[in-house]
Amino acid sequence: MKADAVLDCMGLYCPMPIIETTDKIKELEVGQVLEVIADDRGIVTDMPAWCESTGHEFLGIEENDGEYRVYIKKRGG
């Protein structure tokens, strides 16, 4: 998936990937896609819940060898 911005959260554990995502998504324009890379398995449940609570669109997650890539589309509001 093509992302407009990438956030590296490798080595960070809950709640830091969510906190970092909250800060980074503010830099994007509505409609842009953020890719978050993390190795904390908690992101699998935390990020969809964060998207639900903030109104951003959860586009999906890819996992490869313990590395997670999460894709979020910024929504306006």
Protein backbone atom coordinates (compact mmCIF):
# COMPACT_ATOMS: atom_id res chain seq x y z
CA MET A 1 0.00 0.00 0.00
CA LYS A 2 1.27 3.49 -0.84
CA ALA A 3 1.60 5.78 2.18
CA ASP A 4 2.09 9.55 2.20
CA ALA A 5 4.06 9.40 5.46
CA VAL A 6 5.77 6.70 7.52
CA LEU A 7 6.05 6.55 11.31
CA ASP A 8 8.67 4.21 12.76
CA CYS A 9 7.57 2.89 16.16
CA MET A 10 9.92 -0.09 16.29
CA GLY A 11 10.99 -0.80 19.86
CA LEU A 12 8.14 1.27 21.33
CA TYR A 13 5.45 -0.36 23.43
CA CYS A 14 1.95 0.56 24.46
CA PRO A 15 0.92 3.32 24.67
CA MET A 16 3.78 4.98 22.74
CA PRO A 17 2.81 3.88 19.19
CA ILE A 18 -0.66 5.39 19.72
CA ILE A 19 0.77 8.61 21.20
CA GLU A 20 3.24 8.93 18.32
CA THR A 21 0.47 8.25 15.78
CA THR A 22 -1.73 10.91 17.36
CA ASP A 23 1.06 13.48 16.94
CA LYS A 24 2.06 12.41 13.42
CA ILE A 25 -1.44 12.31 11.93
CA LYS A 26 -1.84 16.01 12.78
CA GLU A 27 0.89 16.77 10.21
CA LEU A 28 -1.04 15.11 7.37
CA GLU A 29 -3.72 16.54 5.12
CA VAL A 30 -7.21 15.01 5.09
CA GLY A 31 -7.18 11.98 2.79
CA GLN A 32 -3.48 11.22 3.20
CA VAL A 33 -2.33 7.78 4.37
CA LEU A 34 -0.01 7.15 7.32
CA GLU A 35 1.97 3.91 7.58
CA VAL A 36 2.94 2.98 11.14
CA ILE A 37 5.68 0.36 11.55
CA ALA A 38 5.85 -1.37 14.92
CA ASP A 39 6.94 -4.58 16.61
CA ASP A 40 4.49 -4.38 19.52
CA ARG A 41 1.75 -6.96 18.94
CA GLY A 42 -0.65 -4.74 20.89
CA ILE A 43 -0.91 -2.50 17.84
CA VAL A 44 -3.10 -5.16 16.19
CA THR A 45 -5.98 -4.31 18.54
CA ASP A 46 -4.95 -0.83 19.70
CA MET A 47 -4.80 0.87 16.30
CA PRO A 48 -8.25 -0.18 15.03
CA ALA A 49 -9.70 0.95 18.38
CA TRP A 50 -7.84 4.27 18.12
CA CYS A 51 -9.18 4.80 14.60
CA GLU A 52 -12.70 4.04 15.80
CA SER A 53 -12.43 6.56 18.63
CA THR A 54 -10.78 9.32 16.56
CA GLY A 55 -12.73 8.93 13.31
CA HIS A 56 -9.74 8.13 11.12
CA GLU A 57 -10.06 5.26 8.64
CA PHE A 58 -8.28 2.00 9.47
CA LEU A 59 -7.13 0.64 6.11
CA GLY A 60 -5.50 -2.57 7.29
CA ILE A 61 -2.48 -4.20 8.78
CA GLU A 62 0.30 -6.37 7.38
CA GLU A 63 2.45 -8.64 9.55
CA ASN A 64 5.78 -10.09 8.53
CA ASP A 65 8.15 -11.79 10.99
CA GLY A 66 6.88 -9.84 14.00
CA GLU A 67 6.91 -6.49 12.18
CA TYR A 68 3.53 -4.82 11.80
CA ARG A 69 2.66 -2.22 9.18
CA VAL A 70 -0.58 -0.40 9.89
CA TYR A 71 -2.26 1.92 7.38
CA ILE A 72 -4.50 4.79 8.45
CA LYS A 73 -6.25 7.39 6.28
CA LYS A 74 -6.70 10.78 7.88
CA ARG A 75 -10.28 11.97 7.96
CA GLY A 76 -11.47 15.48 8.60
CA GLY A 77 -13.86 16.47 11.27
